[in-house]
Amino acid sequence: MISCEKAALICDKAQYEEATFAEKVKLKFHILICKVCSVHSKKNAQLTSLCDKAKLNNLTESEKEKMRNSLKNSL
């Protein structure tokens, strides 16, 4: 049996398709037993779905650096 902390980490990894098959199986068994982790898993899936639907984009490192420099220069 895995801890709730470990289950939360695996849940996050699973949302980004980084969890192994064995981790996913352990998570499924834990979710069957633990109501709190079950709720966390469902909410995590909803959040991921909303982010996918919103088509959020991350800035590249060069874009981030340009923003930092722009902010430093404006101060």
PDB file of N, CA and C in Angstrom:
ATOM      1  N   MET A   1       0.844  -1.177   0.000  1.00  0.00           N
ATOM      2  CA  MET A   1       0.000   0.000   0.000  1.00  0.00           C
ATOM      3  C   MET A   1       0.889   1.240   0.000  1.00  0.00           C
ATOM      4  N   ILE A   2       0.547   2.203  -0.831  1.00  0.00           N
ATOM      5  CA  ILE A   2       1.325   3.439  -0.905  1.00  0.00           C
ATOM      6  C   ILE A   2       0.678   4.510  -0.021  1.00  0.00           C
ATOM      7  N   SER A   3       1.471   5.497   0.361  1.00  0.00           N
ATOM      8  CA  SER A   3       0.959   6.583   1.188  1.00  0.00           C
ATOM      9  C   SER A   3       0.166   7.564   0.326  1.00  0.00           C
ATOM     10  N   CYS A   4      -0.582   8.420   0.995  1.00  0.00           N
ATOM     11  CA  CYS A   4      -1.353   9.436   0.267  1.00  0.00           C
ATOM     12  C   CYS A   4      -0.426  10.417  -0.450  1.00  0.00           C
ATOM     13  N   GLU A   5       0.705  10.731   0.148  1.00  0.00           N
ATOM     14  CA  GLU A   5       1.674  11.628  -0.503  1.00  0.00           C
ATOM     15  C   GLU A   5       2.189  11.002  -1.797  1.00  0.00           C
ATOM     16  N   LYS A   6       2.532   9.735  -1.729  1.00  0.00           N
ATOM     17  CA  LYS A   6       3.022   9.021  -2.911  1.00  0.00           C
ATOM     18  C   LYS A   6       1.921   8.943  -3.970  1.00  0.00           C
ATOM     19  N   ALA A   7       0.691   8.715  -3.527  1.00  0.00           N
ATOM     20  CA  ALA A   7      -0.442   8.647  -4.452  1.00  0.00           C
ATOM     21  C   ALA A   7      -0.638   9.979  -5.165  1.00  0.00           C
ATOM     22  N   ALA A   8      -0.487  11.081  -4.438  1.00  0.00           N
ATOM     23  CA  ALA A   8      -0.642  12.402  -5.048  1.00  0.00           C
ATOM     24  C   ALA A   8       0.435  12.637  -6.103  1.00  0.00           C
ATOM     25  N   LEU A   9       1.655  12.225  -5.809  1.00  0.00           N
ATOM     26  CA  LEU A   9       2.742  12.381  -6.781  1.00  0.00           C
ATOM     27  C   LEU A   9       2.478  11.553  -8.033  1.00  0.00           C
ATOM     28  N   ILE A  10       2.039  10.319  -7.835  1.00  0.00           N
ATOM     29  CA  ILE A  10       1.747   9.455  -8.976  1.00  0.00           C
ATOM     30  C   ILE A  10       0.574  10.007  -9.772  1.00  0.00           C
ATOM     31  N   CYS A  11      -0.423  10.546  -9.081  1.00  0.00           N
ATOM     32  CA  CYS A  11      -1.583  11.137  -9.747  1.00  0.00           C
ATOM     33  C   CYS A  11      -1.140  12.287 -10.656  1.00  0.00           C
ATOM     34  N   ASP A  12      -0.266  13.134 -10.135  1.00  0.00           N
ATOM     35  CA  ASP A  12       0.238  14.250 -10.939  1.00  0.00           C
ATOM     36  C   ASP A  12       1.032  13.740 -12.138  1.00  0.00           C
ATOM     37  N   LYS A  13       1.874  12.732 -11.917  1.00  0.00           N
ATOM     38  CA  LYS A  13       2.649  12.157 -13.017  1.00  0.00           C
ATOM     39  C   LYS A  13       1.728  11.530 -14.065  1.00  0.00           C
ATOM     40  N   ALA A  14       0.676  10.883 -13.612  1.00  0.00           N
ATOM     41  CA  ALA A  14      -0.252  10.221 -14.531  1.00  0.00           C
ATOM     42  C   ALA A  14      -0.965  11.247 -15.414  1.00  0.00           C
ATOM     43  N   GLN A  15      -1.274  12.394 -14.869  1.00  0.00           N
ATOM     44  CA  GLN A  15      -1.953  13.430 -15.643  1.00  0.00           C
ATOM     45  C   GLN A  15      -1.086  13.910 -16.803  1.00  0.00           C
ATOM     46  N   TYR A  16       0.218  13.867 -16.619  1.00  0.00           N
ATOM     47  CA  TYR A  16       1.142  14.306 -17.670  1.00  0.00           C
ATOM     48  C   TYR A  16       1.756  13.131 -18.403  1.00  0.00           C
ATOM     49  N   GLU A  17       1.152  11.939 -18.235  1.00  0.00           N
ATOM     50  CA  GLU A  17       1.580  10.716 -18.900  1.00  0.00           C
ATOM     51  C   GLU A  17       3.038  10.368 -18.621  1.00  0.00           C
ATOM     52  N   GLU A  18       3.473  10.600 -17.374  1.00  0.00           N
ATOM     53  CA  GLU A  18       4.835  10.291 -16.968  1.00  0.00           C
ATOM     54  C   GLU A  18       4.887   9.127 -15.989  1.00  0.00           C
ATOM     55  N   ALA A  19       3.740   8.612 -15.573  1.00  0.00           N
ATOM     56  CA  ALA A  19       3.689   7.509 -14.615  1.00  0.00           C
ATOM     57  C   ALA A  19       3.848   6.175 -15.333  1.00  0.00           C
ATOM     58  N   THR A  20       4.534   5.271 -14.675  1.00  0.00           N
ATOM     59  CA  THR A  20       4.693   3.929 -15.236  1.00  0.00           C
ATOM     60  C   THR A  20       3.403   3.134 -15.038  1.00  0.00           C
ATOM     61  N   PHE A  21       3.308   2.005 -15.715  1.00  0.00           N
ATOM     62  CA  PHE A  21       2.137   1.145 -15.575  1.00  0.00           C
ATOM     63  C   PHE A  21       1.980   0.678 -14.131  1.00  0.00           C
ATOM     64  N   ALA A  22       3.103   0.293 -13.514  1.00  0.00           N
ATOM     65  CA  ALA A  22       3.057  -0.191 -12.124  1.00  0.00           C
ATOM     66  C   ALA A  22       2.567   0.919 -11.188  1.00  0.00           C
ATOM     67  N   GLU A  23       3.022   2.147 -11.407  1.00  0.00           N
ATOM     68  CA  GLU A  23       2.576   3.267 -10.576  1.00  0.00           C
ATOM     69  C   GLU A  23       1.080   3.516 -10.747  1.00  0.00           C
ATOM     70  N   LYS A  24       0.609   3.408 -11.978  1.00  0.00           N
ATOM     71  CA  LYS A  24      -0.816   3.612 -12.231  1.00  0.00           C
ATOM     72  C   LYS A  24      -1.661   2.556 -11.535  1.00  0.00           C
ATOM     73  N   VAL A  25      -1.186   1.315 -11.529  1.00  0.00           N
ATOM     74  CA  VAL A  25      -1.915   0.231 -10.862  1.00  0.00           C
ATOM     75  C   VAL A  25      -1.960   0.491  -9.358  1.00  0.00           C
ATOM     76  N   LYS A  26      -0.818   0.875  -8.770  1.00  0.00           N
ATOM     77  CA  LYS A  26      -0.778   1.189  -7.340  1.00  0.00           C
ATOM     78  C   LYS A  26      -1.731   2.335  -7.013  1.00  0.00           C
ATOM     79  N   LEU A  27      -1.756   3.335  -7.876  1.00  0.00           N
ATOM     80  CA  LEU A  27      -2.643   4.478  -7.664  1.00  0.00           C
ATOM     81  C   LEU A  27      -4.103   4.049  -7.705  1.00  0.00           C
ATOM     82  N   LYS A  28      -4.467   3.224  -8.670  1.00  0.00           N
ATOM     83  CA  LYS A  28      -5.854   2.753  -8.784  1.00  0.00           C
ATOM     84  C   LYS A  28      -6.295   2.017  -7.522  1.00  0.00           C
ATOM     85  N   PHE A  29      -5.439   1.134  -7.003  1.00  0.00           N
ATOM     86  CA  PHE A  29      -5.779   0.421  -5.775  1.00  0.00           C
ATOM     87  C   PHE A  29      -5.906   1.382  -4.595  1.00  0.00           C
ATOM     88  N   HIS A  30      -5.012   2.355  -4.511  1.00  0.00           N
ATOM     89  CA  HIS A  30      -5.072   3.324  -3.417  1.00  0.00           C
ATOM     90  C   HIS A  30      -6.350   4.157  -3.499  1.00  0.00           C
ATOM     91  N   ILE A  31      -6.724   4.554  -4.699  1.00  0.00           N
ATOM     92  CA  ILE A  31      -7.934   5.369  -4.892  1.00  0.00           C
ATOM     93  C   ILE A  31      -9.189   4.581  -4.506  1.00  0.00           C
ATOM     94  N   LEU A  32      -9.178   3.273  -4.706  1.00  0.00           N
ATOM     95  CA  LEU A  32     -10.323   2.449  -4.304  1.00  0.00           C
ATOM     96  C   LEU A  32     -10.535   2.480  -2.796  1.00  0.00           C
ATOM     97  N   ILE A  33      -9.444   2.629  -2.055  1.00  0.00           N
ATOM     98  CA  ILE A  33      -9.506   2.579  -0.594  1.00  0.00           C
ATOM     99  C   ILE A  33      -9.624   3.973   0.027  1.00  0.00           C
ATOM    100  N   CYS A  34      -8.956   4.959  -0.546  1.00  0.00           N
ATOM    101  CA  CYS A  34      -8.840   6.279   0.075  1.00  0.00           C
ATOM    102  C   CYS A  34      -9.760   7.293  -0.603  1.00  0.00           C
ATOM    103  N   LYS A  35     -10.746   7.763   0.123  1.00  0.00           N
ATOM    104  CA  LYS A  35     -11.721   8.716  -0.414  1.00  0.00           C
ATOM    105  C   LYS A  35     -11.053  10.059  -0.721  1.00  0.00           C
ATOM    106  N   VAL A  36     -10.145  10.513   0.137  1.00  0.00           N
ATOM    107  CA  VAL A  36      -9.484  11.803  -0.060  1.00  0.00           C
ATOM    108  C   VAL A  36      -8.687  11.801  -1.356  1.00  0.00           C
ATOM    109  N   CYS A  37      -7.940  10.758  -1.591  1.00  0.00           N
ATOM    110  CA  CYS A  37      -7.137  10.674  -2.815  1.00  0.00           C
ATOM    111  C   CYS A  37      -8.020  10.516  -4.042  1.00  0.00           C
ATOM    112  N   SER A  38      -9.157   9.868  -3.874  1.00  0.00           N
ATOM    113  CA  SER A  38     -10.103   9.737  -4.983  1.00  0.00           C
ATOM    114  C   SER A  38     -10.605  11.115  -5.422  1.00  0.00           C
ATOM    115  N   VAL A  39     -10.952  11.943  -4.451  1.00  0.00           N
ATOM    116  CA  VAL A  39     -11.420  13.298  -4.752  1.00  0.00           C
ATOM    117  C   VAL A  39     -10.295  14.113  -5.393  1.00  0.00           C
ATOM    118  N   HIS A  40      -9.076  13.979  -4.842  1.00  0.00           N
ATOM    119  CA  HIS A  40      -7.928  14.704  -5.405  1.00  0.00           C
ATOM    120  C   HIS A  40      -7.701  14.304  -6.858  1.00  0.00           C
ATOM    121  N   SER A  41      -7.790  13.023  -7.134  1.00  0.00           N
ATOM    122  CA  SER A  41      -7.577  12.528  -8.488  1.00  0.00           C
ATOM    123  C   SER A  41      -8.613  13.093  -9.454  1.00  0.00           C
ATOM    124  N   LYS A  42      -9.863  13.114  -9.035  1.00  0.00           N
ATOM    125  CA  LYS A  42     -10.926  13.640  -9.889  1.00  0.00           C
ATOM    126  C   LYS A  42     -10.728  15.131 -10.157  1.00  0.00           C
ATOM    127  N   LYS A  43     -10.390  15.881  -9.118  1.00  0.00           N
ATOM    128  CA  LYS A  43     -10.178  17.325  -9.293  1.00  0.00           C
ATOM    129  C   LYS A  43      -8.950  17.602 -10.152  1.00  0.00           C
ATOM    130  N   ASN A  44      -7.922  16.789  -9.992  1.00  0.00           N
ATOM    131  CA  ASN A  44      -6.720  16.938 -10.796  1.00  0.00           C
ATOM    132  C   ASN A  44      -7.030  16.682 -12.272  1.00  0.00           C
ATOM    133  N   ALA A  45      -7.847  15.679 -12.541  1.00  0.00           N
ATOM    134  CA  ALA A  45      -8.240  15.373 -13.915  1.00  0.00           C
ATOM    135  C   ALA A  45      -9.070  16.511 -14.508  1.00  0.00           C
ATOM    136  N   GLN A  46      -9.964  17.094 -13.708  1.00  0.00           N
ATOM    137  CA  GLN A  46     -10.772  18.218 -14.174  1.00  0.00           C
ATOM    138  C   GLN A  46      -9.895  19.420 -14.513  1.00  0.00           C
ATOM    139  N   LEU A  47      -8.927  19.704 -13.652  1.00  0.00           N
ATOM    140  CA  LEU A  47      -8.029  20.837 -13.887  1.00  0.00           C
ATOM    141  C   LEU A  47      -7.222  20.632 -15.163  1.00  0.00           C
ATOM    142  N   THR A  48      -6.708  19.435 -15.348  1.00  0.00           N
ATOM    143  CA  THR A  48      -5.940  19.140 -16.559  1.00  0.00           C
ATOM    144  C   THR A  48      -6.812  19.288 -17.800  1.00  0.00           C
ATOM    145  N   SER A  49      -8.036  18.823 -17.718  1.00  0.00           N
ATOM    146  CA  SER A  49      -8.966  18.928 -18.839  1.00  0.00           C
ATOM    147  C   SER A  49      -9.255  20.392 -19.176  1.00  0.00           C
ATOM    148  N   LEU A  50      -9.479  21.208 -18.154  1.00  0.00           N
ATOM    149  CA  LEU A  50      -9.736  22.632 -18.379  1.00  0.00           C
ATOM    150  C   LEU A  50      -8.533  23.330 -19.011  1.00  0.00           C
ATOM    151  N   CYS A  51      -7.349  22.979 -18.550  1.00  0.00           N
ATOM    152  CA  CYS A  51      -6.134  23.578 -19.112  1.00  0.00           C
ATOM    153  C   CYS A  51      -5.954  23.169 -20.569  1.00  0.00           C
ATOM    154  N   ASP A  52      -6.268  21.918 -20.876  1.00  0.00           N
ATOM    155  CA  ASP A  52      -6.179  21.449 -22.265  1.00  0.00           C
ATOM    156  C   ASP A  52      -7.181  22.184 -23.148  1.00  0.00           C
ATOM    157  N   LYS A  53      -8.398  22.363 -22.645  1.00  0.00           N
ATOM    158  CA  LYS A  53      -9.432  23.054 -23.415  1.00  0.00           C
ATOM    159  C   LYS A  53      -9.080  24.517 -23.633  1.00  0.00           C
ATOM    160  N   ALA A  54      -8.412  25.126 -22.665  1.00  0.00           N
ATOM    161  CA  ALA A  54      -8.048  26.539 -22.766  1.00  0.00           C
ATOM    162  C   ALA A  54      -6.861  26.751 -23.712  1.00  0.00           C
ATOM    163  N   LYS A  55      -6.198  25.656 -24.074  1.00  0.00           N
ATOM    164  CA  LYS A  55      -5.034  25.711 -24.964  1.00  0.00           C
ATOM    165  C   LYS A  55      -3.993  26.708 -24.446  1.00  0.00           C
ATOM    166  N   LEU A  56      -3.644  26.537 -23.168  1.00  0.00           N
ATOM    167  CA  LEU A  56      -2.656  27.404 -22.546  1.00  0.00           C
ATOM    168  C   LEU A  56      -1.281  27.143 -23.133  1.00  0.00           C
ATOM    169  N   ASN A  57      -0.526  28.203 -23.308  1.00  0.00           N
ATOM    170  CA  ASN A  57       0.829  28.091 -23.837  1.00  0.00           C
ATOM    171  C   ASN A  57       1.817  28.625 -22.826  1.00  0.00           C
ATOM    172  N   ASN A  58       2.966  27.992 -22.751  1.00  0.00           N
ATOM    173  CA  ASN A  58       4.037  28.460 -21.887  1.00  0.00           C
ATOM    174  C   ASN A  58       4.994  29.319 -22.692  1.00  0.00           C
ATOM    175  N   LEU A  59       5.616  30.241 -22.003  1.00  0.00           N
ATOM    176  CA  LEU A  59       6.629  31.053 -22.655  1.00  0.00           C
ATOM    177  C   LEU A  59       7.916  30.249 -22.790  1.00  0.00           C
ATOM    178  N   THR A  60       8.653  30.505 -23.841  1.00  0.00           N
ATOM    179  CA  THR A  60       9.958  29.879 -23.992  1.00  0.00           C
ATOM    180  C   THR A  60      10.929  30.591 -23.054  1.00  0.00           C
ATOM    181  N   GLU A  61      12.082  29.989 -22.842  1.00  0.00           N
ATOM    182  CA  GLU A  61      13.087  30.600 -21.966  1.00  0.00           C
ATOM    183  C   GLU A  61      13.529  31.961 -22.487  1.00  0.00           C
ATOM    184  N   SER A  62      13.667  32.100 -23.797  1.00  0.00           N
ATOM    185  CA  SER A  62      14.091  33.387 -24.353  1.00  0.00           C
ATOM    186  C   SER A  62      13.007  34.451 -24.151  1.00  0.00           C
ATOM    187  N   GLU A  63      11.728  34.059 -24.267  1.00  0.00           N
ATOM    188  CA  GLU A  63      10.643  35.008 -24.022  1.00  0.00           C
ATOM    189  C   GLU A  63      10.597  35.439 -22.559  1.00  0.00           C
ATOM    190  N   LYS A  64      10.848  34.490 -21.657  1.00  0.00           N
ATOM    191  CA  LYS A  64      10.888  34.807 -20.232  1.00  0.00           C
ATOM    192  C   LYS A  64      12.018  35.793 -19.940  1.00  0.00           C
ATOM    193  N   GLU A  65      13.166  35.544 -20.548  1.00  0.00           N
ATOM    194  CA  GLU A  65      14.329  36.417 -20.319  1.00  0.00           C
ATOM    195  C   GLU A  65      14.059  37.821 -20.844  1.00  0.00           C
ATOM    196  N   LYS A  66      13.417  37.937 -21.989  1.00  0.00           N
ATOM    197  CA  LYS A  66      13.058  39.248 -22.527  1.00  0.00           C
ATOM    198  C   LYS A  66      12.127  39.990 -21.580  1.00  0.00           C
ATOM    199  N   MET A  67      11.164  39.281 -21.009  1.00  0.00           N
ATOM    200  CA  MET A  67      10.248  39.901 -20.053  1.00  0.00           C
ATOM    201  C   MET A  67      10.978  40.365 -18.805  1.00  0.00           C
ATOM    202  N   ARG A  68      11.907  39.540 -18.306  1.00  0.00           N
ATOM    203  CA  ARG A  68      12.673  39.918 -17.120  1.00  0.00           C
ATOM    204  C   ARG A  68      13.480  41.184 -17.387  1.00  0.00           C
ATOM    205  N   ASN A  69      14.132  41.210 -18.545  1.00  0.00           N
ATOM    206  CA  ASN A  69      14.944  42.379 -18.884  1.00  0.00           C
ATOM    207  C   ASN A  69      14.070  43.620 -19.045  1.00  0.00           C
ATOM    208  N   SER A  70      12.912  43.450 -19.645  1.00  0.00           N
ATOM    209  CA  SER A  70      11.995  44.560 -19.824  1.00  0.00           C
ATOM    210  C   SER A  70      11.522  45.103 -18.479  1.00  0.00           C
ATOM    211  N   LEU A  71      11.220  44.207 -17.553  1.00  0.00           N
ATOM    212  CA  LEU A  71      10.798  44.633 -16.227  1.00  0.00           C
ATOM    213  C   LEU A  71      11.919  45.316 -15.457  1.00  0.00           C
ATOM    214  N   LYS A  72      13.129  44.800 -15.573  1.00  0.00           N
ATOM    215  CA  LYS A  72      14.271  45.422 -14.898  1.00  0.00           C
ATOM    216  C   LYS A  72      14.533  46.814 -15.450  1.00  0.00           C
ATOM    217  N   ASN A  73      14.418  46.955 -16.757  1.00  0.00           N
ATOM    218  CA  ASN A  73      14.672  48.259 -17.383  1.00  0.00           C
ATOM    219  C   ASN A  73      13.596  49.269 -17.048  1.00  0.00           C
ATOM    220  N   SER A  74      12.386  48.825 -16.803  1.00  0.00           N
ATOM    221  CA  SER A  74      11.295  49.767 -16.512  1.00  0.00           C
ATOM    222  C   SER A  74      11.346  50.261 -15.065  1.00  0.00           C
ATOM    223  N   LEU A  75      12.079  49.579 -14.212  1.00  0.00           N
ATOM    224  CA  LEU A  75      12.196  50.002 -12.813  1.00  0.00           C
ATOM    225  C   LEU A  75      13.261  51.003 -12.727  1.00  0.00           C
TER     226      LEU A  75
END
